[in-house]
Amino acid sequence: MKRGRLPLTALRSFETAGRHLSFSRAAEELYV
């Protein structure tokens, strides 16, 4: 079974949330 690659936008969102320790702050930074 072939695994798909994770979209870079998802990786960027996850990294930003980890850096801020908050999905709300990550959303502010990413303008979501």
PDB file of N, CA and C in Angstrom:
ATOM      1  N   MET A   1       0.842  -1.176   0.000  1.00  0.00           N
ATOM      2  CA  MET A   1       0.000   0.000   0.000  1.00  0.00           C
ATOM      3  C   MET A   1       0.892   1.246   0.000  1.00  0.00           C
ATOM      4  N   LYS A   2       0.603   2.148  -0.896  1.00  0.00           N
ATOM      5  CA  LYS A   2       1.382   3.370  -1.020  1.00  0.00           C
ATOM      6  C   LYS A   2       0.791   4.457  -0.116  1.00  0.00           C
ATOM      7  N   ARG A   3       1.643   5.114   0.620  1.00  0.00           N
ATOM      8  CA  ARG A   3       1.174   6.174   1.503  1.00  0.00           C
ATOM      9  C   ARG A   3       1.329   7.520   0.809  1.00  0.00           C
ATOM     10  N   GLY A   4       0.324   8.360   0.953  1.00  0.00           N
ATOM     11  CA  GLY A   4       0.379   9.700   0.379  1.00  0.00           C
ATOM     12  C   GLY A   4       1.258  10.614   1.227  1.00  0.00           C
ATOM     13  N   ARG A   5       1.697  11.657   0.622  1.00  0.00           N
ATOM     14  CA  ARG A   5       2.515  12.624   1.354  1.00  0.00           C
ATOM     15  C   ARG A   5       1.625  13.625   2.073  1.00  0.00           C
ATOM     16  N   LEU A   6       2.092  14.087   3.203  1.00  0.00           N
ATOM     17  CA  LEU A   6       1.380  15.096   3.971  1.00  0.00           C
ATOM     18  C   LEU A   6       1.529  16.444   3.268  1.00  0.00           C
ATOM     19  N   PRO A   7       0.429  17.128   3.010  1.00  0.00           N
ATOM     20  CA  PRO A   7       0.546  18.435   2.362  1.00  0.00           C
ATOM     21  C   PRO A   7       1.374  19.394   3.224  1.00  0.00           C
ATOM     22  N   LEU A   8       2.179  20.208   2.589  1.00  0.00           N
ATOM     23  CA  LEU A   8       3.044  21.126   3.328  1.00  0.00           C
ATOM     24  C   LEU A   8       2.254  22.113   4.171  1.00  0.00           C
ATOM     25  N   THR A   9       1.057  22.472   3.741  1.00  0.00           N
ATOM     26  CA  THR A   9       0.250  23.393   4.542  1.00  0.00           C
ATOM     27  C   THR A   9      -0.144  22.759   5.874  1.00  0.00           C
ATOM     28  N   ALA A  10      -0.423  21.457   5.872  1.00  0.00           N
ATOM     29  CA  ALA A  10      -0.765  20.764   7.112  1.00  0.00           C
ATOM     30  C   ALA A  10       0.451  20.709   8.033  1.00  0.00           C
ATOM     31  N   LEU A  11       1.605  20.443   7.468  1.00  0.00           N
ATOM     32  CA  LEU A  11       2.833  20.397   8.257  1.00  0.00           C
ATOM     33  C   LEU A  11       3.141  21.765   8.847  1.00  0.00           C
ATOM     34  N   ARG A  12       2.972  22.799   8.054  1.00  0.00           N
ATOM     35  CA  ARG A  12       3.223  24.164   8.525  1.00  0.00           C
ATOM     36  C   ARG A  12       2.269  24.531   9.658  1.00  0.00           C
ATOM     37  N   SER A  13       1.009  24.161   9.528  1.00  0.00           N
ATOM     38  CA  SER A  13       0.018  24.442  10.563  1.00  0.00           C
ATOM     39  C   SER A  13       0.368  23.723  11.860  1.00  0.00           C
ATOM     40  N   PHE A  14       0.750  22.457  11.755  1.00  0.00           N
ATOM     41  CA  PHE A  14       1.117  21.671  12.931  1.00  0.00           C
ATOM     42  C   PHE A  14       2.357  22.246  13.611  1.00  0.00           C
ATOM     43  N   GLU A  15       3.354  22.652  12.831  1.00  0.00           N
ATOM     44  CA  GLU A  15       4.586  23.234  13.378  1.00  0.00           C
ATOM     45  C   GLU A  15       4.279  24.538  14.102  1.00  0.00           C
ATOM     46  N   THR A  16       3.435  25.361  13.509  1.00  0.00           N
ATOM     47  CA  THR A  16       3.089  26.647  14.115  1.00  0.00           C
ATOM     48  C   THR A  16       2.324  26.445  15.418  1.00  0.00           C
ATOM     49  N   ALA A  17       1.403  25.506  15.444  1.00  0.00           N
ATOM     50  CA  ALA A  17       0.652  25.210  16.665  1.00  0.00           C
ATOM     51  C   ALA A  17       1.587  24.714  17.764  1.00  0.00           C
ATOM     52  N   GLY A  18       2.549  23.893  17.411  1.00  0.00           N
ATOM     53  CA  GLY A  18       3.515  23.405  18.389  1.00  0.00           C
ATOM     54  C   GLY A  18       4.404  24.509  18.927  1.00  0.00           C
ATOM     55  N   ARG A  19       4.782  25.415  18.071  1.00  0.00           N
ATOM     56  CA  ARG A  19       5.645  26.529  18.485  1.00  0.00           C
ATOM     57  C   ARG A  19       4.911  27.452  19.453  1.00  0.00           C
ATOM     58  N   HIS A  20       3.634  27.706  19.184  1.00  0.00           N
ATOM     59  CA  HIS A  20       2.841  28.596  20.032  1.00  0.00           C
ATOM     60  C   HIS A  20       2.161  27.860  21.183  1.00  0.00           C
ATOM     61  N   LEU A  21       2.140  26.543  21.133  1.00  0.00           N
ATOM     62  CA  LEU A  21       1.418  25.717  22.104  1.00  0.00           C
ATOM     63  C   LEU A  21      -0.057  26.098  22.155  1.00  0.00           C
ATOM     64  N   SER A  22      -0.585  26.542  21.018  1.00  0.00           N
ATOM     65  CA  SER A  22      -1.979  26.969  20.951  1.00  0.00           C
ATOM     66  C   SER A  22      -2.438  26.985  19.502  1.00  0.00           C
ATOM     67  N   PHE A  23      -3.554  26.318  19.235  1.00  0.00           N
ATOM     68  CA  PHE A  23      -4.097  26.347  17.880  1.00  0.00           C
ATOM     69  C   PHE A  23      -4.685  27.722  17.566  1.00  0.00           C
ATOM     70  N   SER A  24      -5.207  28.411  18.584  1.00  0.00           N
ATOM     71  CA  SER A  24      -5.766  29.745  18.359  1.00  0.00           C
ATOM     72  C   SER A  24      -4.685  30.728  17.937  1.00  0.00           C
ATOM     73  N   ARG A  25      -3.553  30.708  18.613  1.00  0.00           N
ATOM     74  CA  ARG A  25      -2.455  31.609  18.246  1.00  0.00           C
ATOM     75  C   ARG A  25      -1.868  31.241  16.895  1.00  0.00           C
ATOM     76  N   ALA A  26      -1.815  29.953  16.609  1.00  0.00           N
ATOM     77  CA  ALA A  26      -1.332  29.508  15.301  1.00  0.00           C
ATOM     78  C   ALA A  26      -2.259  30.017  14.205  1.00  0.00           C
ATOM     79  N   ALA A  27      -3.559  29.958  14.447  1.00  0.00           N
ATOM     80  CA  ALA A  27      -4.524  30.447  13.461  1.00  0.00           C
ATOM     81  C   ALA A  27      -4.349  31.937  13.214  1.00  0.00           C
ATOM     82  N   GLU A  28      -4.069  32.695  14.270  1.00  0.00           N
ATOM     83  CA  GLU A  28      -3.819  34.128  14.109  1.00  0.00           C
ATOM     84  C   GLU A  28      -2.594  34.363  13.239  1.00  0.00           C
ATOM     85  N   GLU A  29      -1.531  33.623  13.489  1.00  0.00           N
ATOM     86  CA  GLU A  29      -0.301  33.789  12.708  1.00  0.00           C
ATOM     87  C   GLU A  29      -0.502  33.391  11.250  1.00  0.00           C
ATOM     88  N   LEU A  30      -1.300  32.343  11.029  1.00  0.00           N
ATOM     89  CA  LEU A  30      -1.505  31.832   9.673  1.00  0.00           C
ATOM     90  C   LEU A  30      -2.687  32.505   8.969  1.00  0.00           C
ATOM     91  N   TYR A  31      -3.313  33.476   9.637  1.00  0.00           N
ATOM     92  CA  TYR A  31      -4.456  34.207   9.070  1.00  0.00           C
ATOM     93  C   TYR A  31      -5.583  33.264   8.655  1.00  0.00           C
ATOM     94  N   VAL A  32      -5.931  32.361   9.591  1.00  0.00           N
ATOM     95  CA  VAL A  32      -7.020  31.408   9.330  1.00  0.00           C
ATOM     96  C   VAL A  32      -8.237  31.841  10.130  1.00  0.00           C
TER      97      VAL A  32
END
